[in-house]
């Protein structure tokens, strides 16, 4: 299964919670990820994008 299908198999409300709970090393806080891509990872999928507050690059692993 490709990364996008894995992401879409997660219920919409859970996906929303995941995208709003990404750690930003620059802000030192949980932030919302924006402009993200979805990639396959050995543990599941990885969301890679930008912090909504400061624009710093952030990533979030979503384990299978």
N, C-alpha and C. Protein backbone atom coordinates (compact mmCIF):
# COMPACT_ATOMS: atom_id res chain seq x y z
N UNK A 1 0.86 -1.19 0.00
CA UNK A 1 0.00 0.00 0.00
C UNK A 1 0.90 1.24 0.00
N UNK A 2 0.59 2.21 -0.84
CA UNK A 2 1.44 3.41 -0.87
C UNK A 2 1.11 4.35 0.30
N UNK A 3 2.00 5.28 0.54
CA UNK A 3 1.91 6.17 1.70
C UNK A 3 0.60 6.95 1.73
N UNK A 4 0.16 7.45 0.58
CA UNK A 4 -1.08 8.23 0.55
C UNK A 4 -2.29 7.38 0.92
N UNK A 5 -2.32 6.13 0.45
CA UNK A 5 -3.44 5.24 0.80
C UNK A 5 -3.43 4.93 2.29
N UNK A 6 -2.23 4.74 2.85
CA UNK A 6 -2.13 4.50 4.30
C UNK A 6 -2.68 5.70 5.06
N UNK A 7 -2.30 6.91 4.62
CA UNK A 7 -2.75 8.14 5.27
C UNK A 7 -4.27 8.26 5.19
N UNK A 8 -4.82 8.02 4.01
CA UNK A 8 -6.27 8.14 3.83
C UNK A 8 -7.06 7.04 4.53
N UNK A 9 -6.38 5.95 4.91
CA UNK A 9 -7.07 4.87 5.64
C UNK A 9 -7.28 5.24 7.11
N UNK A 10 -6.59 6.29 7.57
CA UNK A 10 -6.77 6.78 8.94
C UNK A 10 -8.02 7.65 8.95
N UNK A 11 -8.91 7.47 9.96
CA UNK A 11 -10.12 8.30 10.00
C UNK A 11 -9.80 9.80 9.96
N UNK A 12 -10.67 10.56 9.28
CA UNK A 12 -10.44 11.99 9.05
C UNK A 12 -10.18 12.76 10.35
N UNK A 13 -10.95 12.49 11.40
CA UNK A 13 -10.76 13.25 12.65
C UNK A 13 -9.42 12.95 13.30
N UNK A 14 -8.93 11.72 13.15
CA UNK A 14 -7.61 11.35 13.68
C UNK A 14 -6.51 12.04 12.86
N UNK A 15 -6.68 12.07 11.53
CA UNK A 15 -5.71 12.77 10.68
C UNK A 15 -5.61 14.23 11.08
N UNK A 16 -6.75 14.84 11.39
CA UNK A 16 -6.76 16.24 11.83
C UNK A 16 -5.99 16.43 13.12
N UNK A 17 -6.16 15.50 14.06
CA UNK A 17 -5.42 15.59 15.34
C UNK A 17 -3.93 15.42 15.11
N UNK A 18 -3.55 14.52 14.21
CA UNK A 18 -2.13 14.28 13.93
C UNK A 18 -1.49 15.53 13.32
N UNK A 19 -2.16 16.16 12.36
CA UNK A 19 -1.56 17.33 11.69
C UNK A 19 -1.48 18.54 12.62
N UNK A 20 -2.27 18.54 13.71
CA UNK A 20 -2.22 19.65 14.66
C UNK A 20 -1.29 19.35 15.84
N UNK A 21 -0.58 18.20 15.80
CA UNK A 21 0.27 17.80 16.93
C UNK A 21 1.63 17.34 16.41
N UNK A 22 2.36 18.28 15.81
CA UNK A 22 3.69 18.01 15.27
C UNK A 22 4.67 18.90 16.03
N UNK A 23 5.77 18.31 16.52
CA UNK A 23 6.73 19.10 17.29
C UNK A 23 7.63 19.93 16.39
N UNK A 24 7.74 21.21 16.70
CA UNK A 24 8.65 22.10 15.98
C UNK A 24 9.84 22.40 16.89
N UNK A 25 11.03 22.04 16.44
CA UNK A 25 12.24 22.28 17.20
C UNK A 25 12.57 23.76 17.35
N UNK A 26 12.09 24.58 16.43
CA UNK A 26 12.34 26.03 16.50
C UNK A 26 11.39 26.69 17.50
N UNK A 27 10.10 26.35 17.44
CA UNK A 27 9.11 26.92 18.36
C UNK A 27 9.13 26.22 19.72
N UNK A 28 9.73 25.03 19.79
CA UNK A 28 9.77 24.21 21.01
C UNK A 28 8.36 23.92 21.52
N UNK A 29 7.46 23.58 20.58
CA UNK A 29 6.07 23.36 20.93
C UNK A 29 5.40 22.47 19.88
N UNK A 30 4.24 21.96 20.23
CA UNK A 30 3.42 21.22 19.26
C UNK A 30 2.72 22.25 18.39
N UNK A 31 2.81 22.05 17.07
CA UNK A 31 2.26 23.00 16.10
C UNK A 31 1.46 22.26 15.04
N UNK A 32 0.84 23.02 14.16
CA UNK A 32 0.15 22.45 13.00
C UNK A 32 1.13 22.41 11.83
N UNK A 33 1.17 21.25 11.15
CA UNK A 33 2.02 21.09 9.97
C UNK A 33 1.22 21.55 8.75
N UNK A 34 1.90 22.24 7.83
CA UNK A 34 1.23 22.65 6.59
C UNK A 34 2.14 22.37 5.39
N UNK A 35 1.54 22.37 4.22
CA UNK A 35 2.27 22.09 2.97
C UNK A 35 3.10 20.82 3.08
N UNK A 36 2.47 19.76 3.60
CA UNK A 36 3.23 18.53 3.86
C UNK A 36 3.10 17.49 2.76
N UNK A 37 4.14 16.67 2.67
CA UNK A 37 4.14 15.51 1.79
C UNK A 37 4.04 14.28 2.68
N UNK A 38 3.64 13.17 2.08
CA UNK A 38 3.48 11.92 2.81
C UNK A 38 4.42 10.90 2.17
N UNK A 39 5.29 10.30 2.99
CA UNK A 39 6.27 9.35 2.48
C UNK A 39 6.19 8.04 3.25
N UNK A 40 6.48 6.95 2.55
CA UNK A 40 6.57 5.65 3.21
C UNK A 40 7.79 5.62 4.12
N UNK A 41 7.67 4.88 5.22
CA UNK A 41 8.77 4.73 6.17
C UNK A 41 8.72 3.30 6.70
N UNK A 42 9.82 2.82 7.21
CA UNK A 42 9.84 1.44 7.71
C UNK A 42 8.87 1.24 8.88
N UNK A 43 8.53 2.32 9.58
CA UNK A 43 7.61 2.22 10.72
C UNK A 43 6.17 2.57 10.38
N UNK A 44 5.92 3.08 9.18
CA UNK A 44 4.57 3.50 8.77
C UNK A 44 4.67 4.54 7.68
N UNK A 45 4.30 5.79 8.02
CA UNK A 45 4.43 6.90 7.08
C UNK A 45 5.03 8.10 7.81
N UNK A 46 5.59 9.03 7.03
CA UNK A 46 6.15 10.26 7.59
C UNK A 46 5.52 11.45 6.87
N UNK A 47 5.05 12.41 7.67
CA UNK A 47 4.56 13.67 7.12
C UNK A 47 5.72 14.66 7.21
N UNK A 48 6.09 15.27 6.10
CA UNK A 48 7.17 16.27 6.08
C UNK A 48 6.60 17.56 5.53
N UNK A 49 6.77 18.64 6.30
CA UNK A 49 6.23 19.92 5.86
C UNK A 49 6.80 21.07 6.64
N UNK A 50 5.99 22.12 6.79
CA UNK A 50 6.43 23.36 7.44
C UNK A 50 5.57 23.63 8.67
N UNK A 51 6.20 24.26 9.67
CA UNK A 51 5.50 24.72 10.86
C UNK A 51 4.59 25.89 10.47
N UNK A 52 3.34 25.83 10.90
CA UNK A 52 2.39 26.89 10.57
C UNK A 52 2.78 28.21 11.24
N UNK A 53 3.44 28.14 12.41
CA UNK A 53 3.81 29.37 13.14
C UNK A 53 5.04 30.06 12.56
N UNK A 54 6.13 29.30 12.33
CA UNK A 54 7.40 29.95 11.97
C UNK A 54 7.94 29.55 10.59
N UNK A 55 7.36 28.52 9.97
CA UNK A 55 7.82 28.10 8.65
C UNK A 55 8.98 27.12 8.67
N UNK A 56 9.48 26.79 9.87
CA UNK A 56 10.58 25.84 10.02
C UNK A 56 10.14 24.46 9.51
N UNK A 57 11.08 23.67 8.98
CA UNK A 57 10.74 22.33 8.52
C UNK A 57 10.44 21.42 9.71
N UNK A 58 9.35 20.67 9.61
CA UNK A 58 8.95 19.72 10.65
C UNK A 58 8.58 18.39 10.01
N UNK A 59 8.56 17.35 10.83
CA UNK A 59 8.16 16.02 10.35
C UNK A 59 7.45 15.29 11.47
N UNK A 60 6.57 14.35 11.09
CA UNK A 60 5.84 13.55 12.07
C UNK A 60 5.76 12.14 11.53
N UNK A 61 6.21 11.17 12.34
CA UNK A 61 6.09 9.74 11.99
C UNK A 61 4.72 9.27 12.47
N UNK A 62 4.00 8.57 11.61
CA UNK A 62 2.73 7.95 11.98
C UNK A 62 2.95 6.45 11.84
N UNK A 63 3.06 5.77 12.98
CA UNK A 63 3.35 4.34 12.98
C UNK A 63 2.16 3.54 12.50
N UNK A 64 2.45 2.43 11.78
CA UNK A 64 1.38 1.56 11.30
C UNK A 64 0.80 0.77 12.45
